Amino acid sequence: MSHRDEYIAKMKLQIDELNASMNKLELDARAAKRDAEAKYKEEIEKLRAQSRLAINKLDELIAAGESSWESMVAETEKVRDAFASSFHYFRSQL
């Protein structure tokens, strides 16, 4: 085999190896994307549950009589703050 043929074979092998590595990387990226999407959906569902809890607390506050609504304010704010905090943390992770 001539020096030229050896060089061409070596170059082809290197390019083939890089392409194989690139294909593996692409498959790994797709798998990571699926994992991330599943985690994203799970976290969104947790946020939706917190949203429902905050809405329910607000509804309780609205339905409360004048004499009892003030005692419910702190609890309602606590639920709202937890929801807001979870939302902001989730958004910062994107």
N, C-alpha and C. Protein backbone atom coordinates (compact mmCIF):
# COMPACT_ATOMS: atom_id res chain seq x y z
N MET A 1 0.86 -1.17 0.00
CA MET A 1 0.00 0.00 0.00
C MET A 1 0.90 1.23 0.00
N SER A 2 0.57 2.19 -0.83
CA SER A 2 1.38 3.40 -0.93
C SER A 2 1.10 4.32 0.25
N HIS A 3 2.01 5.26 0.43
CA HIS A 3 1.85 6.25 1.50
C HIS A 3 0.52 6.99 1.33
N ARG A 4 0.18 7.31 0.11
CA ARG A 4 -1.09 8.00 -0.18
C ARG A 4 -2.26 7.15 0.24
N ASP A 5 -2.26 5.87 -0.11
CA ASP A 5 -3.36 4.96 0.24
C ASP A 5 -3.47 4.79 1.76
N GLU A 6 -2.31 4.69 2.42
CA GLU A 6 -2.31 4.58 3.88
C GLU A 6 -2.92 5.82 4.52
N TYR A 7 -2.51 6.98 4.01
CA TYR A 7 -3.03 8.24 4.53
C TYR A 7 -4.54 8.33 4.34
N ILE A 8 -5.01 7.98 3.16
CA ILE A 8 -6.44 8.02 2.86
C ILE A 8 -7.20 7.05 3.76
N ALA A 9 -6.69 5.85 3.95
CA ALA A 9 -7.34 4.85 4.81
C ALA A 9 -7.40 5.35 6.26
N LYS A 10 -6.27 5.93 6.73
CA LYS A 10 -6.22 6.46 8.09
C LYS A 10 -7.22 7.59 8.26
N MET A 11 -7.27 8.50 7.29
CA MET A 11 -8.19 9.63 7.36
C MET A 11 -9.64 9.15 7.33
N LYS A 12 -9.94 8.18 6.47
CA LYS A 12 -11.30 7.63 6.40
C LYS A 12 -11.68 6.99 7.72
N LEU A 13 -10.77 6.23 8.32
CA LEU A 13 -11.04 5.59 9.61
C LEU A 13 -11.34 6.64 10.68
N GLN A 14 -10.54 7.69 10.73
CA GLN A 14 -10.77 8.75 11.73
C GLN A 14 -12.12 9.42 11.53
N ILE A 15 -12.47 9.69 10.29
CA ILE A 15 -13.76 10.32 10.01
C ILE A 15 -14.90 9.37 10.36
N ASP A 16 -14.75 8.10 10.03
CA ASP A 16 -15.77 7.11 10.37
C ASP A 16 -15.95 7.00 11.88
N GLU A 17 -14.84 7.02 12.62
CA GLU A 17 -14.91 6.95 14.08
C GLU A 17 -15.61 8.18 14.65
N LEU A 18 -15.29 9.35 14.10
CA LEU A 18 -15.96 10.57 14.56
C LEU A 18 -17.45 10.53 14.25
N ASN A 19 -17.80 10.03 13.08
CA ASN A 19 -19.22 9.92 12.73
C ASN A 19 -19.94 8.94 13.65
N ALA A 20 -19.29 7.83 13.99
CA ALA A 20 -19.89 6.86 14.91
C ALA A 20 -20.08 7.50 16.29
N SER A 21 -19.09 8.25 16.73
CA SER A 21 -19.20 8.95 18.02
C SER A 21 -20.30 9.99 17.98
N MET A 22 -20.40 10.69 16.86
CA MET A 22 -21.45 11.70 16.71
C MET A 22 -22.83 11.04 16.76
N ASN A 23 -22.99 9.90 16.11
CA ASN A 23 -24.27 9.18 16.13
C ASN A 23 -24.63 8.74 17.54
N LYS A 24 -23.64 8.25 18.30
CA LYS A 24 -23.88 7.85 19.68
C LYS A 24 -24.28 9.06 20.52
N LEU A 25 -23.59 10.17 20.30
CA LEU A 25 -23.91 11.39 21.03
C LEU A 25 -25.33 11.85 20.73
N GLU A 26 -25.73 11.73 19.49
CA GLU A 26 -27.09 12.12 19.10
C GLU A 26 -28.12 11.23 19.81
N LEU A 27 -27.85 9.93 19.88
CA LEU A 27 -28.76 9.02 20.59
C LEU A 27 -28.81 9.35 22.08
N ASP A 28 -27.64 9.65 22.66
CA ASP A 28 -27.60 10.03 24.07
C ASP A 28 -28.38 11.31 24.32
N ALA A 29 -28.28 12.26 23.39
CA ALA A 29 -29.01 13.53 23.53
C ALA A 29 -30.51 13.30 23.46
N ARG A 30 -30.93 12.42 22.56
CA ARG A 30 -32.36 12.11 22.47
C ARG A 30 -32.87 11.47 23.76
N ALA A 31 -32.08 10.56 24.32
CA ALA A 31 -32.47 9.92 25.57
C ALA A 31 -32.54 10.94 26.70
N ALA A 32 -31.56 11.84 26.74
CA ALA A 32 -31.56 12.88 27.77
C ALA A 32 -32.77 13.79 27.61
N LYS A 33 -33.13 14.08 26.36
CA LYS A 33 -34.29 14.94 26.09
C LYS A 33 -35.56 14.26 26.61
N ARG A 34 -35.69 12.95 26.37
CA ARG A 34 -36.87 12.23 26.86
C ARG A 34 -36.91 12.25 28.39
N ASP A 35 -35.75 12.04 29.02
CA ASP A 35 -35.69 12.07 30.48
C ASP A 35 -36.06 13.46 31.01
N ALA A 36 -35.51 14.49 30.34
CA ALA A 36 -35.80 15.87 30.76
C ALA A 36 -37.27 16.19 30.57
N GLU A 37 -37.84 15.72 29.48
CA GLU A 37 -39.26 15.98 29.22
C GLU A 37 -40.14 15.31 30.28
N ALA A 38 -39.79 14.09 30.66
CA ALA A 38 -40.55 13.39 31.69
C ALA A 38 -40.45 14.14 33.02
N LYS A 39 -39.25 14.59 33.36
CA LYS A 39 -39.04 15.34 34.59
C LYS A 39 -39.81 16.67 34.54
N TYR A 40 -39.77 17.32 33.38
CA TYR A 40 -40.49 18.59 33.19
C TYR A 40 -41.98 18.39 33.44
N LYS A 41 -42.55 17.34 32.83
CA LYS A 41 -43.98 17.07 33.00
C LYS A 41 -44.31 16.79 34.46
N GLU A 42 -43.44 16.04 35.14
CA GLU A 42 -43.65 15.73 36.56
C GLU A 42 -43.64 17.00 37.40
N GLU A 43 -42.68 17.88 37.14
CA GLU A 43 -42.60 19.12 37.90
C GLU A 43 -43.77 20.06 37.61
N ILE A 44 -44.20 20.11 36.36
CA ILE A 44 -45.36 20.94 36.01
C ILE A 44 -46.59 20.43 36.75
N GLU A 45 -46.76 19.12 36.84
CA GLU A 45 -47.91 18.57 37.56
C GLU A 45 -47.85 18.95 39.04
N LYS A 46 -46.67 18.94 39.62
CA LYS A 46 -46.53 19.38 41.02
C LYS A 46 -46.92 20.85 41.17
N LEU A 47 -46.48 21.66 40.20
CA LEU A 47 -46.85 23.08 40.24
C LEU A 47 -48.35 23.27 40.08
N ARG A 48 -48.96 22.48 39.21
CA ARG A 48 -50.42 22.59 39.03
C ARG A 48 -51.15 22.21 40.32
N ALA A 49 -50.64 21.21 41.03
CA ALA A 49 -51.24 20.82 42.31
C ALA A 49 -51.12 21.97 43.32
N GLN A 50 -49.97 22.62 43.34
CA GLN A 50 -49.80 23.76 44.24
C GLN A 50 -50.72 24.91 43.83
N SER A 51 -50.90 25.09 42.55
CA SER A 51 -51.81 26.12 42.06
C SER A 51 -53.24 25.84 42.52
N ARG A 52 -53.66 24.59 42.38
CA ARG A 52 -55.01 24.22 42.84
C ARG A 52 -55.18 24.45 44.34
N LEU A 53 -54.14 24.13 45.10
CA LEU A 53 -54.20 24.35 46.54
C LEU A 53 -54.32 25.84 46.85
N ALA A 54 -53.56 26.66 46.14
CA ALA A 54 -53.63 28.11 46.36
C ALA A 54 -55.00 28.65 45.98
N ILE A 55 -55.55 28.17 44.89
CA ILE A 55 -56.89 28.61 44.46
C ILE A 55 -57.93 28.18 45.49
N ASN A 56 -57.81 26.96 46.01
CA ASN A 56 -58.76 26.49 47.03
C ASN A 56 -58.67 27.34 48.29
N LYS A 57 -57.44 27.69 48.69
CA LYS A 57 -57.29 28.53 49.88
C LYS A 57 -57.90 29.91 49.64
N LEU A 58 -57.71 30.45 48.45
CA LEU A 58 -58.31 31.74 48.13
C LEU A 58 -59.84 31.63 48.15
N ASP A 59 -60.37 30.56 47.61
CA ASP A 59 -61.82 30.36 47.63
C ASP A 59 -62.34 30.28 49.08
N GLU A 60 -61.59 29.59 49.95
CA GLU A 60 -61.97 29.52 51.36
C GLU A 60 -61.95 30.91 51.99
N LEU A 61 -60.92 31.69 51.63
CA LEU A 61 -60.81 33.05 52.16
C LEU A 61 -61.98 33.91 51.69
N ILE A 62 -62.34 33.76 50.42
CA ILE A 62 -63.47 34.52 49.88
C ILE A 62 -64.77 34.13 50.56
N ALA A 63 -64.93 32.83 50.84
CA ALA A 63 -66.16 32.34 51.46
C ALA A 63 -66.23 32.61 52.96
N ALA A 64 -65.10 32.92 53.56
CA ALA A 64 -65.06 33.13 55.01
C ALA A 64 -65.85 34.38 55.39
N GLY A 65 -66.43 34.32 56.55
CA GLY A 65 -67.16 35.48 57.06
C GLY A 65 -66.19 36.56 57.51
N GLU A 66 -66.73 37.73 57.73
CA GLU A 66 -65.92 38.88 58.15
C GLU A 66 -65.12 38.58 59.41
N SER A 67 -65.67 37.80 60.30
CA SER A 67 -65.00 37.55 61.58
C SER A 67 -63.86 36.55 61.47
N SER A 68 -63.86 35.70 60.47
CA SER A 68 -62.83 34.66 60.40
C SER A 68 -61.83 34.82 59.27
N TRP A 69 -62.07 35.70 58.32
CA TRP A 69 -61.18 35.76 57.17
C TRP A 69 -59.78 36.23 57.53
N GLU A 70 -59.67 37.13 58.51
CA GLU A 70 -58.35 37.63 58.89
C GLU A 70 -57.46 36.52 59.43
N SER A 71 -58.03 35.56 60.12
CA SER A 71 -57.22 34.46 60.64
C SER A 71 -56.75 33.52 59.52
N MET A 72 -57.37 33.60 58.37
CA MET A 72 -57.01 32.73 57.24
C MET A 72 -55.98 33.38 56.31
N VAL A 73 -55.75 34.67 56.47
CA VAL A 73 -54.86 35.39 55.56
C VAL A 73 -53.44 34.80 55.58
N ALA A 74 -52.90 34.58 56.75
CA ALA A 74 -51.52 34.08 56.86
C ALA A 74 -51.37 32.72 56.18
N GLU A 75 -52.34 31.85 56.39
CA GLU A 75 -52.28 30.52 55.78
C GLU A 75 -52.39 30.62 54.25
N THR A 76 -53.26 31.49 53.78
CA THR A 76 -53.42 31.68 52.33
C THR A 76 -52.14 32.23 51.73
N GLU A 77 -51.53 33.20 52.40
CA GLU A 77 -50.27 33.76 51.91
C GLU A 77 -49.14 32.74 51.91
N LYS A 78 -49.14 31.88 52.93
CA LYS A 78 -48.12 30.83 53.01
C LYS A 78 -48.23 29.88 51.82
N VAL A 79 -49.44 29.48 51.48
CA VAL A 79 -49.66 28.58 50.35
C VAL A 79 -49.29 29.28 49.04
N ARG A 80 -49.70 30.54 48.90
CA ARG A 80 -49.35 31.31 47.70
C ARG A 80 -47.85 31.47 47.57
N ASP A 81 -47.16 31.78 48.67
CA ASP A 81 -45.71 31.96 48.64
C ASP A 81 -44.98 30.67 48.28
N ALA A 82 -45.46 29.54 48.79
CA ALA A 82 -44.85 28.25 48.44
C ALA A 82 -45.00 27.97 46.96
N PHE A 83 -46.17 28.26 46.42
CA PHE A 83 -46.42 28.08 44.99
C PHE A 83 -45.50 28.98 44.18
N ALA A 84 -45.42 30.24 44.54
CA ALA A 84 -44.57 31.20 43.82
C ALA A 84 -43.11 30.80 43.89
N SER A 85 -42.67 30.38 45.05
CA SER A 85 -41.28 29.96 45.22
C SER A 85 -40.96 28.74 44.36
N SER A 86 -41.84 27.76 44.37
CA SER A 86 -41.64 26.56 43.54
C SER A 86 -41.62 26.92 42.07
N PHE A 87 -42.51 27.81 41.67
CA PHE A 87 -42.56 28.23 40.27
C PHE A 87 -41.26 28.91 39.86
N HIS A 88 -40.79 29.85 40.66
CA HIS A 88 -39.57 30.59 40.32
C HIS A 88 -38.35 29.66 40.30
N TYR A 89 -38.31 28.71 41.21
CA TYR A 89 -37.19 27.75 41.20
C TYR A 89 -37.24 26.90 39.93
N PHE A 90 -38.41 26.40 39.60
CA PHE A 90 -38.56 25.58 38.39
C PHE A 90 -38.14 26.37 37.15
N ARG A 91 -38.60 27.60 37.05
CA ARG A 91 -38.27 28.43 35.90
C ARG A 91 -36.76 28.68 35.82
N SER A 92 -36.11 28.82 36.96
CA SER A 92 -34.66 29.07 36.97
C SER A 92 -33.87 27.85 36.52
N GLN A 93 -34.48 26.67 36.59
CA GLN A 93 -33.81 25.45 36.19
C GLN A 93 -33.92 25.17 34.70
N LEU A 94 -34.74 25.94 34.00
CA LEU A 94 -34.91 25.71 32.55
C LEU A 94 -33.77 26.30 31.76
